[in-house]
């Protein structure tokens, strides 16, 4: 693969509207600018039917999901509007996409679908019991991804600046 092939492949940044994902968005925008790559901002609406311990009524499911999707669309618009307003020079052109499903699976599927060169995610940096109980979507994406993944951790209080942690997917060394 040549350097020019890499330039056109997009960078995918997964967001959940938290300060951690805002830091990831800003880091991804800087990386996209440096690489001359398109930027795709992705939000996965977690399908509540797939969450263990929940019941659903098949006739009401579509209506319930629609409301969740509508709320997520509003939250995405507000999140991106705030980020663009606060960082107009950094966040120029980007594509946004919202999909429904399990976040880890859908992030990896969309990355493959668009031929992404890099996945960027924010991380809360939980440790100890909360990490064991909740797990880490970012950690699982790193483990399962065939692409390099950048995790942006711990934004400084009062800012959206974060420190990147570069992690490679399972087969990243094969593309070198």
Protein backbone atom coordinates (compact mmCIF):
# COMPACT_ATOMS: atom_id res chain seq x y z
CA UNK A 1 0.00 0.00 0.00
CA UNK A 2 1.40 3.37 -0.99
CA UNK A 3 1.30 6.56 1.02
CA UNK A 4 -1.25 8.06 -1.39
CA UNK A 5 -3.59 5.09 -0.77
CA UNK A 6 -3.49 5.93 2.97
CA UNK A 7 -4.33 9.60 2.42
CA UNK A 8 -7.80 8.94 1.08
CA UNK A 9 -8.82 6.39 3.69
CA UNK A 10 -10.95 8.01 6.40
CA UNK A 11 -10.34 8.25 10.12
CA UNK A 12 -13.31 7.02 12.14
CA UNK A 13 -13.94 8.59 15.53
CA UNK A 14 -16.61 6.98 17.71
CA UNK A 15 -18.39 9.39 20.06
CA UNK A 16 -20.79 9.00 22.98
CA UNK A 17 -21.17 12.76 23.67
CA UNK A 18 -18.95 12.65 26.78
CA UNK A 19 -15.97 14.96 27.41
CA UNK A 20 -13.80 11.92 26.66
CA UNK A 21 -15.28 11.50 23.21
CA UNK A 22 -14.98 15.25 22.59
CA UNK A 23 -11.26 14.94 23.30
CA UNK A 24 -11.14 12.00 20.87
CA UNK A 25 -13.01 14.03 18.23
CA UNK A 26 -10.53 16.89 18.47
CA UNK A 27 -7.56 14.53 18.35
CA UNK A 28 -9.05 12.73 15.33
CA UNK A 29 -9.69 16.06 13.58
CA UNK A 30 -6.04 17.03 14.05
CA UNK A 31 -4.91 13.62 12.76
CA UNK A 32 -7.23 13.85 9.74
CA UNK A 33 -5.84 17.27 8.92
CA UNK A 34 -2.24 16.02 9.22
CA UNK A 35 -2.91 12.96 7.05
CA UNK A 36 -5.14 14.79 4.58
CA UNK A 37 -7.80 12.19 5.37
CA UNK A 38 -11.58 12.47 5.58
CA UNK A 39 -13.09 12.30 9.07
CA UNK A 40 -16.17 10.24 9.96
CA UNK A 41 -17.85 10.93 13.31
CA UNK A 42 -19.83 7.86 14.37
CA UNK A 43 -22.34 7.36 17.15
CA UNK A 44 -23.82 3.94 17.86
CA UNK A 45 -27.31 3.96 19.34
CA UNK A 46 -27.21 0.96 21.66
CA UNK A 47 -30.12 -1.30 20.80
CA UNK A 48 -31.76 -1.93 24.20
CA UNK A 49 -33.19 -5.27 23.01
CA UNK A 50 -29.66 -6.64 22.90
CA UNK A 51 -28.94 -5.64 26.50
CA UNK A 52 -29.27 -8.57 28.91
CA UNK A 53 -32.02 -8.36 31.49
CA UNK A 54 -34.48 -6.39 29.37
CA UNK A 55 -37.85 -7.48 28.06
CA UNK A 56 -39.42 -6.05 24.96
CA UNK A 57 -42.85 -5.98 23.47
CA UNK A 58 -42.52 -6.60 19.75
CA UNK A 59 -45.28 -4.17 18.76
CA UNK A 60 -43.79 -1.34 20.80
CA UNK A 61 -40.12 -1.96 19.97
CA UNK A 62 -40.03 0.10 16.78
CA UNK A 63 -41.70 3.07 18.44
CA UNK A 64 -39.37 2.84 21.47
CA UNK A 65 -36.26 2.61 19.29
CA UNK A 66 -37.43 5.49 17.17
CA UNK A 67 -37.62 7.69 20.24
CA UNK A 68 -34.13 6.62 21.30
CA UNK A 69 -32.80 7.36 17.81
CA UNK A 70 -34.49 10.77 17.74
CA UNK A 71 -32.97 11.66 21.11
CA UNK A 72 -29.55 10.47 19.92
CA UNK A 73 -29.85 12.58 16.75
CA UNK A 74 -30.59 15.67 18.85
CA UNK A 75 -27.70 14.89 21.20
CA UNK A 76 -25.34 14.34 18.23
CA UNK A 77 -26.38 17.66 16.67
CA UNK A 78 -25.83 19.54 19.95
CA UNK A 79 -22.51 17.76 20.60
CA UNK A 80 -21.16 18.54 17.13
CA UNK A 81 -22.50 22.11 17.11
CA UNK A 82 -20.74 22.82 20.42
CA UNK A 83 -17.51 21.20 19.22
CA UNK A 84 -17.54 23.14 15.93
CA UNK A 85 -18.42 26.42 17.69
CA UNK A 86 -15.58 25.94 20.19
CA UNK A 87 -13.08 24.76 17.52
CA UNK A 88 -14.06 26.33 14.17
CA UNK A 89 -10.54 26.21 12.71
CA UNK A 90 -10.08 22.56 13.60
CA UNK A 91 -13.46 21.07 12.77
CA UNK A 92 -14.10 21.96 9.15
CA UNK A 93 -15.47 19.25 6.93
CA UNK A 94 -16.48 15.90 8.34
CA UNK A 95 -19.13 13.29 7.78
CA UNK A 96 -21.39 12.12 10.57
CA UNK A 97 -23.20 8.83 10.85
CA UNK A 98 -25.47 7.20 13.37
CA UNK A 99 -26.15 3.46 13.45
CA UNK A 100 -28.12 1.16 15.76
CA UNK A 101 -26.68 -1.93 17.42
CA UNK A 102 -23.99 -3.11 19.79
CA UNK A 103 -21.30 -0.40 19.94
CA UNK A 104 -18.21 -2.61 19.63
CA UNK A 105 -19.59 -4.63 16.74
CA UNK A 106 -20.98 -1.64 14.86
CA UNK A 107 -17.79 0.44 15.26
CA UNK A 108 -15.76 -2.38 13.73
CA UNK A 109 -18.32 -2.97 10.96
CA UNK A 110 -18.47 0.68 9.96
CA UNK A 111 -14.66 0.95 10.04
CA UNK A 112 -14.44 -1.99 7.65
CA UNK A 113 -17.28 -0.69 5.46
CA UNK A 114 -15.62 2.70 4.92
CA UNK A 115 -12.08 1.32 4.65
CA UNK A 116 -10.89 3.36 7.63
CA UNK A 117 -7.16 3.70 8.23
CA UNK A 118 -7.59 4.43 11.94
CA UNK A 119 -10.23 4.22 14.69
CA UNK A 120 -10.17 6.88 17.42
CA UNK A 121 -12.10 6.59 20.69
CA UNK A 122 -12.19 8.32 24.04
CA UNK A 123 -11.76 6.43 27.28
CA UNK A 124 -12.85 7.24 30.78
CA UNK A 125 -9.79 5.42 32.07
CA UNK A 126 -11.67 3.44 34.69
CA UNK A 127 -9.66 1.06 36.80
CA UNK A 128 -10.33 -1.46 39.52
CA UNK A 129 -13.83 -2.72 40.25
CA UNK A 130 -15.66 -0.29 37.96
CA UNK A 131 -13.48 -1.44 35.04
CA UNK A 132 -14.10 -5.10 35.87
CA UNK A 133 -17.85 -4.57 36.19
CA UNK A 134 -18.35 -2.29 33.20
CA UNK A 135 -15.50 -3.35 30.95
CA UNK A 136 -14.19 -1.02 28.33
CA UNK A 137 -15.62 -0.66 24.85
CA UNK A 138 -12.38 1.00 23.77
CA UNK A 139 -10.32 -1.91 25.11
CA UNK A 140 -12.51 -4.44 23.29
CA UNK A 141 -12.28 -2.49 20.03
CA UNK A 142 -8.47 -2.53 20.37
CA UNK A 143 -8.52 -6.29 20.96
CA UNK A 144 -10.81 -7.07 18.02
CA UNK A 145 -9.77 -4.48 15.46
CA UNK A 146 -7.71 -5.30 12.42
CA UNK A 147 -6.82 -1.58 12.26
CA UNK A 148 -4.72 0.67 14.45
CA UNK A 149 -6.78 2.23 17.24
CA UNK A 150 -5.98 5.43 19.11
CA UNK A 151 -7.48 5.83 22.57
CA UNK A 152 -7.62 9.39 23.88
CA UNK A 153 -7.66 9.35 27.68
CA UNK A 154 -8.40 11.70 30.54
CA UNK A 155 -9.17 15.16 29.21
CA UNK A 156 -7.81 17.88 31.46
CA UNK A 157 -10.53 19.27 33.71
CA UNK A 158 -12.27 22.19 31.99
CA UNK A 159 -10.86 21.39 28.54
CA UNK A 160 -11.34 18.79 25.84
CA UNK A 161 -7.62 18.11 25.56
CA UNK A 162 -6.64 14.49 26.07
CA UNK A 163 -3.53 12.37 25.89
CA UNK A 164 -3.51 9.74 23.14
CA UNK A 165 -2.62 6.14 23.78
CA UNK A 166 -1.81 4.40 20.51
CA UNK A 167 -2.82 0.76 20.35
CA UNK A 168 -2.60 -1.53 17.36
CA UNK A 169 -5.18 -4.03 16.23
CA UNK A 170 -4.32 -7.73 15.99
CA UNK A 171 -3.03 -7.60 12.42
CA UNK A 172 -1.60 -4.09 12.30
CA UNK A 173 1.97 -5.41 12.03
CA UNK A 174 1.05 -7.33 8.85
CA UNK A 175 0.37 -4.10 6.94
CA UNK A 176 3.83 -2.65 7.67
